[in-house]
Amino acid sequence: MYAQMIKTAHKGVHKREDMSPEERAFQDKIDADIKIEPRDWMPDDYRATLIRQIGQHAHSEVVGQLPEGNWITRAPTLERKAILLAKVQDEAGHGLYLYSAAETLGETRDELVRLLHEGRMKYSSIFNYPTLNWADIGAVGWLVDGAAIVNQVALQRTSYGPYSRAMIRICKEESFHARQGYHAIMKMAFGTPEQKKQAQDAVNRLWFPAIMMFGPSDADSTHSEQSMAWKIKVKSNDELRQQFVDQTVPQIEYLGLDLPDPGIKWNEERGHYDFSDPDWSEFFDVIKGNGPCNVDRLQNRVAAWEDGAWVRDGLLAHAEKKAARKVAAE
């Protein structure tokens, strides 16, 4: 469904004078902050945009298990192992919530997974970077999940009801993830000189990929203007990125770590931190599939899907037999 709709998706912002009566009524609901529900009328472009965004979000949660799941058996203590295992399980649950939200738009989970495996739907670029040591796991929890929370708290106010409601529970769990990551990196930053060095290296390597998570600058973002008009997004990429920098820089300073960007400086006039632009050519290169771990991540997801086919088939067969017995009993 999505693959067909996206071919004819509108490229510009819908102007009110060009709208049909149905589109005007729909936009009036959006402007009045009334949630759009699955059975409500909606423009095809709105549906396609939501499927794209929710699908990519779901894929990000599922693929995001890979760089951390790799460290479950190597966590330094039993407590850290249990915490990380719980976190990875949460990410799987988040993916399920989001796939379910996409299904309310008429798109099947199998189709979304197929598009991911074929490289026709993306996931967050951050998950195409490696986790080289335990400090990276702390930095991922703190920086990556911290960036996700900034974005997802805003999405609690998104205009599509099922997506908005899914974000409420996800944000509560992501807050735990960010605290877990910060606590892990704090232990290292306040630990031995070697541990602090590892913490600094992890922050240095993951800082720019983390701030790229919010997407390209507003001037270069293909979908942002229309998504803002429809309130699918309620804050722009640059607004969210600035919010993340402002909340994270004091945390870095508290840890006694060097700032990973020499361009970070408090701007009294703006009331915000100035910071350097990331290398956007690197971002787009990773999005195109040329990041350090793109190939491995997708191969692992395809293998997991294929290896788990017998479980899905068994569950489906059991459900069909149960339904048949119920019909026979009636």
C-alpha atoms as a PDB file:
ATOM      1  CA  MET A   1       0.000   0.000   0.000  1.00  0.00           C
ATOM      2  CA  TYR A   2       2.657   2.492   1.072  1.00  0.00           C
ATOM      3  CA  ALA A   3       4.884   1.607  -1.889  1.00  0.00           C
ATOM      4  CA  GLN A   4       2.039   2.454  -4.283  1.00  0.00           C
ATOM      5  CA  MET A   5       0.912   5.606  -2.494  1.00  0.00           C
ATOM      6  CA  ILE A   6       4.365   7.138  -2.199  1.00  0.00           C
ATOM      7  CA  LYS A   7       4.794   7.198  -5.970  1.00  0.00           C
ATOM      8  CA  THR A   8       2.040   9.783  -6.261  1.00  0.00           C
ATOM      9  CA  ALA A   9       2.636  11.627  -2.974  1.00  0.00           C
ATOM     10  CA  HIS A  10       2.263  15.413  -3.121  1.00  0.00           C
ATOM     11  CA  LYS A  11       5.632  17.167  -3.036  1.00  0.00           C
ATOM     12  CA  GLY A  12       4.567  20.620  -1.873  1.00  0.00           C
ATOM     13  CA  VAL A  13       2.520  22.037   0.997  1.00  0.00           C
ATOM     14  CA  HIS A  14      -1.233  21.804   0.480  1.00  0.00           C
ATOM     15  CA  LYS A  15      -2.674  25.321   0.136  1.00  0.00           C
ATOM     16  CA  ARG A  16      -6.118  25.929   1.579  1.00  0.00           C
ATOM     17  CA  GLU A  17      -7.473  27.465  -1.631  1.00  0.00           C
ATOM     18  CA  ASP A  18      -6.583  24.267  -3.482  1.00  0.00           C
ATOM     19  CA  MET A  19      -8.199  21.945  -0.944  1.00  0.00           C
ATOM     20  CA  SER A  20     -11.386  19.966  -1.455  1.00  0.00           C
ATOM     21  CA  PRO A  21     -14.179  20.387   1.130  1.00  0.00           C
ATOM     22  CA  GLU A  22     -13.031  17.138   2.784  1.00  0.00           C
ATOM     23  CA  GLU A  23      -9.448  18.407   2.998  1.00  0.00           C
ATOM     24  CA  ARG A  24     -10.573  21.714   4.534  1.00  0.00           C
ATOM     25  CA  ALA A  25     -12.636  19.897   7.172  1.00  0.00           C
ATOM     26  CA  PHE A  26      -9.671  17.640   7.875  1.00  0.00           C
ATOM     27  CA  GLN A  27      -7.290  20.613   8.234  1.00  0.00           C
ATOM     28  CA  ASP A  28      -9.774  22.381  10.515  1.00  0.00           C
ATOM     29  CA  LYS A  29      -9.608  19.378  12.890  1.00  0.00           C
ATOM     30  CA  ILE A  30      -5.814  19.476  12.779  1.00  0.00           C
ATOM     31  CA  ASP A  31      -5.786  23.213  13.520  1.00  0.00           C
ATOM     32  CA  ALA A  32      -8.169  22.681  16.438  1.00  0.00           C
ATOM     33  CA  ASP A  33      -5.823  20.018  17.897  1.00  0.00           C
ATOM     34  CA  ILE A  34      -8.419  17.277  17.454  1.00  0.00           C
ATOM     35  CA  LYS A  35      -6.763  13.898  16.993  1.00  0.00           C
ATOM     36  CA  ILE A  36      -7.234  12.070  13.717  1.00  0.00           C
ATOM     37  CA  GLU A  37      -8.398   8.501  14.306  1.00  0.00           C
ATOM     38  CA  PRO A  38      -8.095   5.467  11.989  1.00  0.00           C
ATOM     39  CA  ARG A  39     -11.682   5.598  10.686  1.00  0.00           C
ATOM     40  CA  ASP A  40     -11.606   9.337  10.043  1.00  0.00           C
ATOM     41  CA  TRP A  41     -11.269  10.608   6.491  1.00  0.00           C
ATOM     42  CA  MET A  42      -7.695  11.656   5.715  1.00  0.00           C
ATOM     43  CA  PRO A  43      -5.783  12.682   2.560  1.00  0.00           C
ATOM     44  CA  ASP A  44      -3.759   9.944   0.881  1.00  0.00           C
ATOM     45  CA  ASP A  45      -0.603  12.041   1.341  1.00  0.00           C
ATOM     46  CA  TYR A  46      -1.212  12.289   5.093  1.00  0.00           C
ATOM     47  CA  ARG A  47      -1.662   8.516   5.309  1.00  0.00           C
ATOM     48  CA  ALA A  48       1.473   7.866   3.224  1.00  0.00           C
ATOM     49  CA  THR A  49       3.528  10.325   5.281  1.00  0.00           C
ATOM     50  CA  LEU A  50       2.437   8.663   8.521  1.00  0.00           C
ATOM     51  CA  ILE A  51       3.185   5.168   7.224  1.00  0.00           C
ATOM     52  CA  ARG A  52       6.646   6.329   6.160  1.00  0.00           C
ATOM     53  CA  GLN A  53       7.401   8.005   9.497  1.00  0.00           C
ATOM     54  CA  ILE A  54       5.861   5.366  11.779  1.00  0.00           C
ATOM     55  CA  GLY A  55       7.384   2.553   9.728  1.00  0.00           C
ATOM     56  CA  GLN A  56      10.849   4.080   9.912  1.00  0.00           C
ATOM     57  CA  HIS A  57      10.361   4.677  13.624  1.00  0.00           C
ATOM     58  CA  ALA A  58       9.343   1.036  14.181  1.00  0.00           C
ATOM     59  CA  HIS A  59      12.305  -0.209  12.139  1.00  0.00           C
ATOM     60  CA  SER A  60      14.622   2.010  14.202  1.00  0.00           C
ATOM     61  CA  GLU A  61      13.397   0.473  17.447  1.00  0.00           C
ATOM     62  CA  VAL A  62      13.947  -3.063  16.156  1.00  0.00           C
ATOM     63  CA  VAL A  63      17.293  -2.469  14.432  1.00  0.00           C
ATOM     64  CA  GLY A  64      18.349  -0.458  17.480  1.00  0.00           C
ATOM     65  CA  GLN A  65      18.446  -3.698  19.483  1.00  0.00           C
ATOM     66  CA  LEU A  66      21.452  -4.920  17.489  1.00  0.00           C
ATOM     67  CA  PRO A  67      24.306  -2.650  18.659  1.00  0.00           C
ATOM     68  CA  GLU A  68      23.293  -3.164  22.301  1.00  0.00           C
ATOM     69  CA  GLY A  69      22.221  -6.801  22.141  1.00  0.00           C
ATOM     70  CA  ASN A  70      25.773  -7.554  21.066  1.00  0.00           C
ATOM     71  CA  TRP A  71      26.905  -6.555  24.592  1.00  0.00           C
ATOM     72  CA  ILE A  72      24.386  -8.420  26.756  1.00  0.00           C
ATOM     73  CA  THR A  73      26.699 -11.394  27.328  1.00  0.00           C
ATOM     74  CA  ARG A  74      29.698  -9.108  27.819  1.00  0.00           C
ATOM     75  CA  ALA A  75      28.264  -6.637  30.324  1.00  0.00           C
ATOM     76  CA  PRO A  76      30.706  -6.049  33.207  1.00  0.00           C
ATOM     77  CA  THR A  77      28.354  -7.144  36.015  1.00  0.00           C
ATOM     78  CA  LEU A  78      25.225  -9.251  36.440  1.00  0.00           C
ATOM     79  CA  GLU A  79      23.267  -6.098  37.305  1.00  0.00           C
ATOM     80  CA  ARG A  80      24.392  -4.365  34.107  1.00  0.00           C
ATOM     81  CA  LYS A  81      23.497  -7.493  32.143  1.00  0.00           C
ATOM     82  CA  ALA A  82      19.959  -7.543  33.571  1.00  0.00           C
ATOM     83  CA  ILE A  83      19.470  -3.817  32.929  1.00  0.00           C
ATOM     84  CA  LEU A  84      20.690  -4.052  29.344  1.00  0.00           C
ATOM     85  CA  LEU A  85      18.557  -7.132  28.684  1.00  0.00           C
ATOM     86  CA  ALA A  86      15.483  -5.278  29.941  1.00  0.00           C
ATOM     87  CA  LYS A  87      16.339  -2.297  27.751  1.00  0.00           C
ATOM     88  CA  VAL A  88      16.706  -4.409  24.601  1.00  0.00           C
ATOM     89  CA  GLN A  89      13.384  -6.129  25.380  1.00  0.00           C
ATOM     90  CA  ASP A  90      11.762  -2.703  25.697  1.00  0.00           C
ATOM     91  CA  GLU A  91      13.003  -1.744  22.238  1.00  0.00           C
ATOM     92  CA  ALA A  92      11.327  -4.837  20.767  1.00  0.00           C
ATOM     93  CA  GLY A  93       8.097  -3.801  22.482  1.00  0.00           C
ATOM     94  CA  HIS A  94       8.367  -0.283  21.089  1.00  0.00           C
ATOM     95  CA  GLY A  95       8.681  -1.714  17.607  1.00  0.00           C
ATOM     96  CA  LEU A  96       5.511  -3.753  18.151  1.00  0.00           C
ATOM     97  CA  TYR A  97       3.560  -0.695  19.360  1.00  0.00           C
ATOM     98  CA  LEU A  98       4.611   1.229  16.288  1.00  0.00           C
ATOM     99  CA  TYR A  99       3.983  -1.550  13.768  1.00  0.00           C
ATOM    100  CA  SER A 100       0.510  -1.822  15.310  1.00  0.00           C
ATOM    101  CA  ALA A 101      -0.008   1.925  14.859  1.00  0.00           C
ATOM    102  CA  ALA A 102       1.001   1.614  11.199  1.00  0.00           C
ATOM    103  CA  GLU A 103      -1.477  -1.246  10.759  1.00  0.00           C
ATOM    104  CA  THR A 104      -4.324   1.105  11.748  1.00  0.00           C
ATOM    105  CA  LEU A 105      -3.466   3.018   8.557  1.00  0.00           C
ATOM    106  CA  GLY A 106      -4.026  -0.064   6.419  1.00  0.00           C
ATOM    107  CA  GLU A 107      -0.419  -1.183   6.065  1.00  0.00           C
ATOM    108  CA  THR A 108       0.534  -4.712   7.113  1.00  0.00           C
ATOM    109  CA  ARG A 109       3.508  -5.471   9.307  1.00  0.00           C
ATOM    110  CA  ASP A 110       4.788  -7.995   6.768  1.00  0.00           C
ATOM    111  CA  GLU A 111       4.803  -5.338   4.058  1.00  0.00           C
ATOM    112  CA  LEU A 112       6.720  -2.879   6.221  1.00  0.00           C
ATOM    113  CA  VAL A 113       9.290  -5.549   7.026  1.00  0.00           C
ATOM    114  CA  ARG A 114       9.588  -6.443   3.343  1.00  0.00           C
ATOM    115  CA  LEU A 115      10.256  -2.810   2.437  1.00  0.00           C
ATOM    116  CA  LEU A 116      12.926  -2.625   5.161  1.00  0.00           C
ATOM    117  CA  HIS A 117      14.646  -5.783   3.930  1.00  0.00           C
ATOM    118  CA  GLU A 118      14.614  -4.503   0.359  1.00  0.00           C
ATOM    119  CA  GLY A 119      16.173  -1.212   1.439  1.00  0.00           C
ATOM    120  CA  ARG A 120      13.078   0.765   0.450  1.00  0.00           C
ATOM    121  CA  MET A 121      12.313   1.941   3.987  1.00  0.00           C
ATOM    122  CA  LYS A 122      14.974   3.347   6.289  1.00  0.00           C
ATOM    123  CA  TYR A 123      15.733   3.414   9.989  1.00  0.00           C
ATOM    124  CA  SER A 124      17.665   5.917  12.098  1.00  0.00           C
ATOM    125  CA  SER A 125      21.184   6.484  10.766  1.00  0.00           C
ATOM    126  CA  ILE A 126      22.674   6.244  14.291  1.00  0.00           C
ATOM    127  CA  PHE A 127      22.263   2.466  14.318  1.00  0.00           C
ATOM    128  CA  ASN A 128      24.712   2.081  11.457  1.00  0.00           C
ATOM    129  CA  TYR A 129      27.606   2.939  13.787  1.00  0.00           C
ATOM    130  CA  PRO A 130      29.429   0.287  15.833  1.00  0.00           C
ATOM    131  CA  THR A 131      29.512  -0.136  19.603  1.00  0.00           C
ATOM    132  CA  LEU A 132      33.192  -0.847  20.201  1.00  0.00           C
ATOM    133  CA  ASN A 133      33.319  -1.145  23.989  1.00  0.00           C
ATOM    134  CA  TRP A 134      31.189  -0.908  27.135  1.00  0.00           C
ATOM    135  CA  ALA A 135      31.506   2.871  27.243  1.00  0.00           C
ATOM    136  CA  ASP A 136      29.697   2.982  23.906  1.00  0.00           C
ATOM    137  CA  ILE A 137      26.716   1.223  25.501  1.00  0.00           C
ATOM    138  CA  GLY A 138      26.527   3.947  28.147  1.00  0.00           C
ATOM    139  CA  ALA A 139      26.856   6.651  25.495  1.00  0.00           C
ATOM    140  CA  VAL A 140      24.149   5.049  23.358  1.00  0.00           C
ATOM    141  CA  GLY A 141      21.756   4.940  26.298  1.00  0.00           C
ATOM    142  CA  TRP A 142      22.529   8.510  27.311  1.00  0.00           C
ATOM    143  CA  LEU A 143      22.986  10.303  23.976  1.00  0.00           C
ATOM    144  CA  VAL A 144      20.969   8.224  21.525  1.00  0.00           C
ATOM    145  CA  ASP A 145      18.015   7.527  23.793  1.00  0.00           C
ATOM    146  CA  GLY A 146      18.280  11.074  25.116  1.00  0.00           C
ATOM    147  CA  ALA A 147      17.914  12.384  21.574  1.00  0.00           C
ATOM    148  CA  ALA A 148      15.052   9.949  20.978  1.00  0.00           C
ATOM    149  CA  ILE A 149      13.223  11.255  24.056  1.00  0.00           C
ATOM    150  CA  VAL A 150      13.491  14.862  22.856  1.00  0.00           C
ATOM    151  CA  ASN A 151      11.887  13.823  19.583  1.00  0.00           C
ATOM    152  CA  GLN A 152       9.333  11.457  21.080  1.00  0.00           C
ATOM    153  CA  VAL A 153       8.086  13.772  23.817  1.00  0.00           C
ATOM    154  CA  ALA A 154       7.122  16.149  21.022  1.00  0.00           C
ATOM    155  CA  LEU A 155       5.458  13.271  19.159  1.00  0.00           C
ATOM    156  CA  GLN A 156       3.086  12.741  22.090  1.00  0.00           C
ATOM    157  CA  ARG A 157       1.308  15.781  20.607  1.00  0.00           C
ATOM    158  CA  THR A 158       1.295  14.462  17.038  1.00  0.00           C
ATOM    159  CA  SER A 159      -2.033  14.720  15.228  1.00  0.00           C
ATOM    160  CA  TYR A 160      -2.598  10.988  14.618  1.00  0.00           C
ATOM    161  CA  GLY A 161      -4.209   9.425  17.682  1.00  0.00           C
ATOM    162  CA  PRO A 162      -2.686   5.900  17.681  1.00  0.00           C
ATOM    163  CA  TYR A 163       0.820   7.287  17.116  1.00  0.00           C
ATOM    164  CA  SER A 164       0.383   9.905  19.831  1.00  0.00           C
ATOM    165  CA  ARG A 165      -0.839   7.354  22.376  1.00  0.00           C
ATOM    166  CA  ALA A 166       1.945   4.889  21.572  1.00  0.00           C
ATOM    167  CA  MET A 167       4.464   7.647  22.334  1.00  0.00           C
ATOM    168  CA  ILE A 168       3.171   8.116  25.882  1.00  0.00           C
ATOM    169  CA  ARG A 169       4.233   4.654  27.022  1.00  0.00           C
ATOM    170  CA  ILE A 170       7.370   4.617  24.883  1.00  0.00           C
ATOM    171  CA  CYS A 171       8.587   7.895  26.399  1.00  0.00           C
ATOM    172  CA  LYS A 172       8.239   6.530  29.934  1.00  0.00           C
ATOM    173  CA  GLU A 173      10.426   3.560  29.056  1.00  0.00           C
ATOM    174  CA  GLU A 174      12.925   5.656  27.074  1.00  0.00           C
ATOM    175  CA  SER A 175      13.433   7.808  30.152  1.00  0.00           C
ATOM    176  CA  PHE A 176      14.628   4.696  31.987  1.00  0.00           C
ATOM    177  CA  HIS A 177      16.955   3.915  29.082  1.00  0.00           C
ATOM    178  CA  ALA A 178      18.530   7.363  29.169  1.00  0.00           C
ATOM    179  CA  ARG A 179      19.057   7.209  32.944  1.00  0.00           C
ATOM    180  CA  GLN A 180      20.617   3.764  32.602  1.00  0.00           C
ATOM    181  CA  GLY A 181      23.022   5.064  29.961  1.00  0.00           C
ATOM    182  CA  TYR A 182      23.975   8.160  31.911  1.00  0.00           C
ATOM    183  CA  HIS A 183      24.575   6.124  35.057  1.00  0.00           C
ATOM    184  CA  ALA A 184      26.838   3.726  33.132  1.00  0.00           C
ATOM    185  CA  ILE A 185      28.870   6.521  31.548  1.00  0.00           C
ATOM    186  CA  MET A 186      29.063   8.344  34.891  1.00  0.00           C
ATOM    187  CA  LYS A 187      30.647   5.299  36.510  1.00  0.00           C
ATOM    188  CA  MET A 188      33.323   5.349  33.851  1.00  0.00           C
ATOM    189  CA  ALA A 189      33.829   9.124  33.831  1.00  0.00           C
ATOM    190  CA  PHE A 190      34.335   9.063  37.623  1.00  0.00           C
ATOM    191  CA  GLY A 191      36.352   5.835  37.500  1.00  0.00           C
ATOM    192  CA  THR A 192      39.958   5.096  36.587  1.00  0.00           C
ATOM    193  CA  PRO A 193      41.869   7.258  34.066  1.00  0.00           C
ATOM    194  CA  GLU A 194      41.503   4.469  31.506  1.00  0.00           C
ATOM    195  CA  GLN A 195      37.749   4.277  32.066  1.00  0.00           C
ATOM    196  CA  LYS A 196      37.408   8.045  31.742  1.00  0.00           C
ATOM    197  CA  LYS A 197      39.417   7.921  28.514  1.00  0.00           C
ATOM    198  CA  GLN A 198      37.029   5.309  27.118  1.00  0.00           C
ATOM    199  CA  ALA A 199      34.027   7.426  28.144  1.00  0.00           C
ATOM    200  CA  GLN A 200      35.514  10.464  26.420  1.00  0.00           C
ATOM    201  CA  ASP A 201      36.217   8.485  23.255  1.00  0.00           C
ATOM    202  CA  ALA A 202      32.660   7.155  23.147  1.00  0.00           C
ATOM    203  CA  VAL A 203      31.175  10.641  23.527  1.00  0.00           C
ATOM    204  CA  ASN A 204      33.514  12.044  20.879  1.00  0.00           C
ATOM    205  CA  ARG A 205      32.537   9.390  18.330  1.00  0.00           C
ATOM    206  CA  LEU A 206      28.782   9.361  18.987  1.00  0.00           C
ATOM    207  CA  TRP A 207      28.111  13.073  19.476  1.00  0.00           C
ATOM    208  CA  PHE A 208      27.682  14.096  15.850  1.00  0.00           C
ATOM    209  CA  PRO A 209      25.797  10.919  14.828  1.00  0.00           C
ATOM    210  CA  ALA A 210      23.442  11.626  17.759  1.00  0.00           C
ATOM    211  CA  ILE A 211      22.651  15.189  16.707  1.00  0.00           C
ATOM    212  CA  MET A 212      22.128  13.960  13.130  1.00  0.00           C
ATOM    213  CA  MET A 213      19.289  11.776  14.457  1.00  0.00           C
ATOM    214  CA  PHE A 214      16.930  14.747  14.191  1.00  0.00           C
ATOM    215  CA  GLY A 215      17.325  14.739  10.431  1.00  0.00           C
ATOM    216  CA  PRO A 216      18.746  17.330   8.048  1.00  0.00           C
ATOM    217  CA  SER A 217      18.511  21.053   8.684  1.00  0.00           C
ATOM    218  CA  ASP A 218      15.063  22.527   8.142  1.00  0.00           C
ATOM    219  CA  ALA A 219      16.158  24.135   4.876  1.00  0.00           C
ATOM    220  CA  ASP A 220      17.114  20.719   3.459  1.00  0.00           C
ATOM    221  CA  SER A 221      14.305  18.614   4.931  1.00  0.00           C
ATOM    222  CA  THR A 222      11.996  17.263   2.230  1.00  0.00           C
ATOM    223  CA  HIS A 223       8.972  16.458   4.375  1.00  0.00           C
ATOM    224  CA  SER A 224       9.141  18.853   7.321  1.00  0.00           C
ATOM    225  CA  GLU A 225       7.024  21.758   6.083  1.00  0.00           C
ATOM    226  CA  GLN A 226       3.971  19.677   5.219  1.00  0.00           C
ATOM    227  CA  SER A 227       4.404  17.465   8.282  1.00  0.00           C
ATOM    228  CA  MET A 228       4.407  20.601  10.442  1.00  0.00           C
ATOM    229  CA  ALA A 229       1.241  21.876   8.736  1.00  0.00           C
ATOM    230  CA  TRP A 230      -0.462  18.552   9.445  1.00  0.00           C
ATOM    231  CA  LYS A 231       1.021  18.493  12.970  1.00  0.00           C
ATOM    232  CA  ILE A 232       2.525  15.096  12.352  1.00  0.00           C
ATOM    233  CA  LYS A 233       5.591  16.945  13.601  1.00  0.00           C
ATOM    234  CA  VAL A 234       5.074  19.731  16.132  1.00  0.00           C
ATOM    235  CA  LYS A 235       8.689  20.917  16.293  1.00  0.00           C
ATOM    236  CA  SER A 236      11.186  21.323  13.481  1.00  0.00           C
ATOM    237  CA  ASN A 237      14.400  19.319  13.143  1.00  0.00           C
ATOM    238  CA  ASP A 238      16.527  22.315  14.108  1.00  0.00           C
ATOM    239  CA  GLU A 239      14.375  23.144  17.150  1.00  0.00           C
ATOM    240  CA  LEU A 240      14.663  19.590  18.437  1.00  0.00           C
ATOM    241  CA  ARG A 241      18.411  19.483  17.797  1.00  0.00           C
ATOM    242  CA  GLN A 242      18.918  22.731  19.715  1.00  0.00           C
ATOM    243  CA  GLN A 243      16.855  21.415  22.634  1.00  0.00           C
ATOM    244  CA  PHE A 244      18.996  18.279  22.792  1.00  0.00           C
ATOM    245  CA  VAL A 245      22.257  20.243  22.737  1.00  0.00           C
ATOM    246  CA  ASP A 246      21.037  22.631  25.435  1.00  0.00           C
ATOM    247  CA  GLN A 247      20.088  19.821  27.817  1.00  0.00           C
ATOM    248  CA  THR A 248      23.131  17.631  27.123  1.00  0.00           C
ATOM    249  CA  VAL A 249      26.059  20.070  27.307  1.00  0.00           C
ATOM    250  CA  PRO A 250      25.628  20.693  31.086  1.00  0.00           C
ATOM    251  CA  GLN A 251      25.512  16.915  31.608  1.00  0.00           C
ATOM    252  CA  ILE A 252      28.830  16.513  29.770  1.00  0.00           C
ATOM    253  CA  GLU A 253      30.363  19.264  31.888  1.00  0.00           C
ATOM    254  CA  TYR A 254      29.105  17.624  35.094  1.00  0.00           C
ATOM    255  CA  LEU A 255      30.857  14.406  34.094  1.00  0.00           C
ATOM    256  CA  GLY A 256      34.129  16.315  33.787  1.00  0.00           C
ATOM    257  CA  LEU A 257      34.462  15.314  30.120  1.00  0.00           C
ATOM    258  CA  ASP A 258      35.695  17.559  27.338  1.00  0.00           C
ATOM    259  CA  LEU A 259      33.043  18.879  24.996  1.00  0.00           C
ATOM    260  CA  PRO A 260      33.060  16.730  21.827  1.00  0.00           C
ATOM    261  CA  ASP A 261      32.585  19.780  19.607  1.00  0.00           C
ATOM    262  CA  PRO A 262      35.023  22.733  19.918  1.00  0.00           C
ATOM    263  CA  GLY A 263      32.303  24.946  18.443  1.00  0.00           C
ATOM    264  CA  ILE A 264      30.037  24.579  21.481  1.00  0.00           C
ATOM    265  CA  LYS A 265      29.722  27.903  23.263  1.00  0.00           C
ATOM    266  CA  TRP A 266      26.982  29.558  25.286  1.00  0.00           C
ATOM    267  CA  ASN A 267      25.314  32.381  23.362  1.00  0.00           C
ATOM    268  CA  GLU A 268      23.945  34.849  25.888  1.00  0.00           C
ATOM    269  CA  GLU A 269      21.975  36.770  23.285  1.00  0.00           C
ATOM    270  CA  ARG A 270      20.151  33.692  21.972  1.00  0.00           C
ATOM    271  CA  GLY A 271      19.910  31.972  25.341  1.00  0.00           C
ATOM    272  CA  HIS A 272      21.134  28.757  23.743  1.00  0.00           C
ATOM    273  CA  TYR A 273      24.375  26.957  23.014  1.00  0.00           C
ATOM    274  CA  ASP A 274      25.967  27.508  19.637  1.00  0.00           C
ATOM    275  CA  PHE A 275      27.383  24.348  18.090  1.00  0.00           C
ATOM    276  CA  SER A 276      28.985  23.131  14.891  1.00  0.00           C
ATOM    277  CA  ASP A 277      27.000  21.611  12.060  1.00  0.00           C
ATOM    278  CA  PRO A 278      27.623  17.904  11.615  1.00  0.00           C
ATOM    279  CA  ASP A 279      29.056  16.582   8.370  1.00  0.00           C
ATOM    280  CA  TRP A 280      25.823  16.271   6.425  1.00  0.00           C
ATOM    281  CA  SER A 281      27.578  14.488   3.572  1.00  0.00           C
ATOM    282  CA  GLU A 282      28.334  11.692   6.048  1.00  0.00           C
ATOM    283  CA  PHE A 283      24.676  11.619   7.125  1.00  0.00           C
ATOM    284  CA  PHE A 284      23.374  11.260   3.586  1.00  0.00           C
ATOM    285  CA  ASP A 285      26.061   8.700   2.783  1.00  0.00           C
ATOM    286  CA  VAL A 286      24.937   6.564   5.734  1.00  0.00           C
ATOM    287  CA  ILE A 287      21.285   6.973   4.713  1.00  0.00           C
ATOM    288  CA  LYS A 288      22.202   5.666   1.251  1.00  0.00           C
ATOM    289  CA  GLY A 289      23.588   2.510   2.835  1.00  0.00           C
ATOM    290  CA  ASN A 290      27.283   3.349   3.061  1.00  0.00           C
ATOM    291  CA  GLY A 291      27.723   3.602   6.839  1.00  0.00           C
ATOM    292  CA  PRO A 292      30.117   1.424   8.859  1.00  0.00           C
ATOM    293  CA  CYS A 293      27.441  -1.147   9.748  1.00  0.00           C
ATOM    294  CA  ASN A 294      24.630  -0.787   7.180  1.00  0.00           C
ATOM    295  CA  VAL A 295      25.275  -4.122   5.491  1.00  0.00           C
ATOM    296  CA  ASP A 296      25.682  -6.059   8.746  1.00  0.00           C
ATOM    297  CA  ARG A 297      22.583  -4.546  10.343  1.00  0.00           C
ATOM    298  CA  LEU A 298      20.328  -5.403   7.402  1.00  0.00           C
ATOM    299  CA  GLN A 299      21.795  -8.884   6.981  1.00  0.00           C
ATOM    300  CA  ASN A 300      21.181  -9.587  10.671  1.00  0.00           C
ATOM    301  CA  ARG A 301      17.580  -8.407  10.455  1.00  0.00           C
ATOM    302  CA  VAL A 302      16.863 -10.479   7.342  1.00  0.00           C
ATOM    303  CA  ALA A 303      18.461 -13.559   8.928  1.00  0.00           C
ATOM    304  CA  ALA A 304      16.429 -13.115  12.137  1.00  0.00           C
ATOM    305  CA  TRP A 305      13.216 -12.773  10.133  1.00  0.00           C
ATOM    306  CA  GLU A 306      13.907 -15.865   8.060  1.00  0.00           C
ATOM    307  CA  ASP A 307      15.107 -17.922  11.032  1.00  0.00           C
ATOM    308  CA  GLY A 308      11.969 -17.006  12.961  1.00  0.00           C
ATOM    309  CA  ALA A 309       9.554 -18.032  10.197  1.00  0.00           C
ATOM    310  CA  TRP A 310       8.808 -21.379  11.899  1.00  0.00           C
ATOM    311  CA  VAL A 311       7.700 -19.567  15.064  1.00  0.00           C
ATOM    312  CA  ARG A 312       5.322 -17.307  13.136  1.00  0.00           C
ATOM    313  CA  ASP A 313       3.967 -20.250  11.145  1.00  0.00           C
ATOM    314  CA  GLY A 314       3.426 -22.277  14.322  1.00  0.00           C
ATOM    315  CA  LEU A 315       1.600 -19.446  16.071  1.00  0.00           C
ATOM    316  CA  LEU A 316      -0.605 -18.870  13.026  1.00  0.00           C
ATOM    317  CA  ALA A 317      -1.448 -22.568  12.757  1.00  0.00           C
ATOM    318  CA  HIS A 318      -2.308 -22.673  16.461  1.00  0.00           C
ATOM    319  CA  ALA A 319      -4.552 -19.607  16.129  1.00  0.00           C
ATOM    320  CA  GLU A 320      -6.352 -21.127  13.135  1.00  0.00           C
ATOM    321  CA  LYS A 321      -6.960 -24.418  14.979  1.00  0.00           C
ATOM    322  CA  LYS A 322      -8.227 -22.549  18.037  1.00  0.00           C
ATOM    323  CA  ALA A 323     -10.598 -20.502  15.893  1.00  0.00           C
ATOM    324  CA  ALA A 324     -11.836 -23.653  14.115  1.00  0.00           C
ATOM    325  CA  ARG A 325     -12.522 -25.383  17.447  1.00  0.00           C
ATOM    326  CA  LYS A 326     -14.462 -22.355  18.653  1.00  0.00           C
ATOM    327  CA  VAL A 327     -16.600 -22.349  15.512  1.00  0.00           C
ATOM    328  CA  ALA A 328     -17.223 -26.077  15.835  1.00  0.00           C
ATOM    329  CA  ALA A 329     -18.245 -25.695  19.475  1.00  0.00           C
ATOM    330  CA  GLU A 330     -20.786 -23.047  18.568  1.00  0.00           C
END
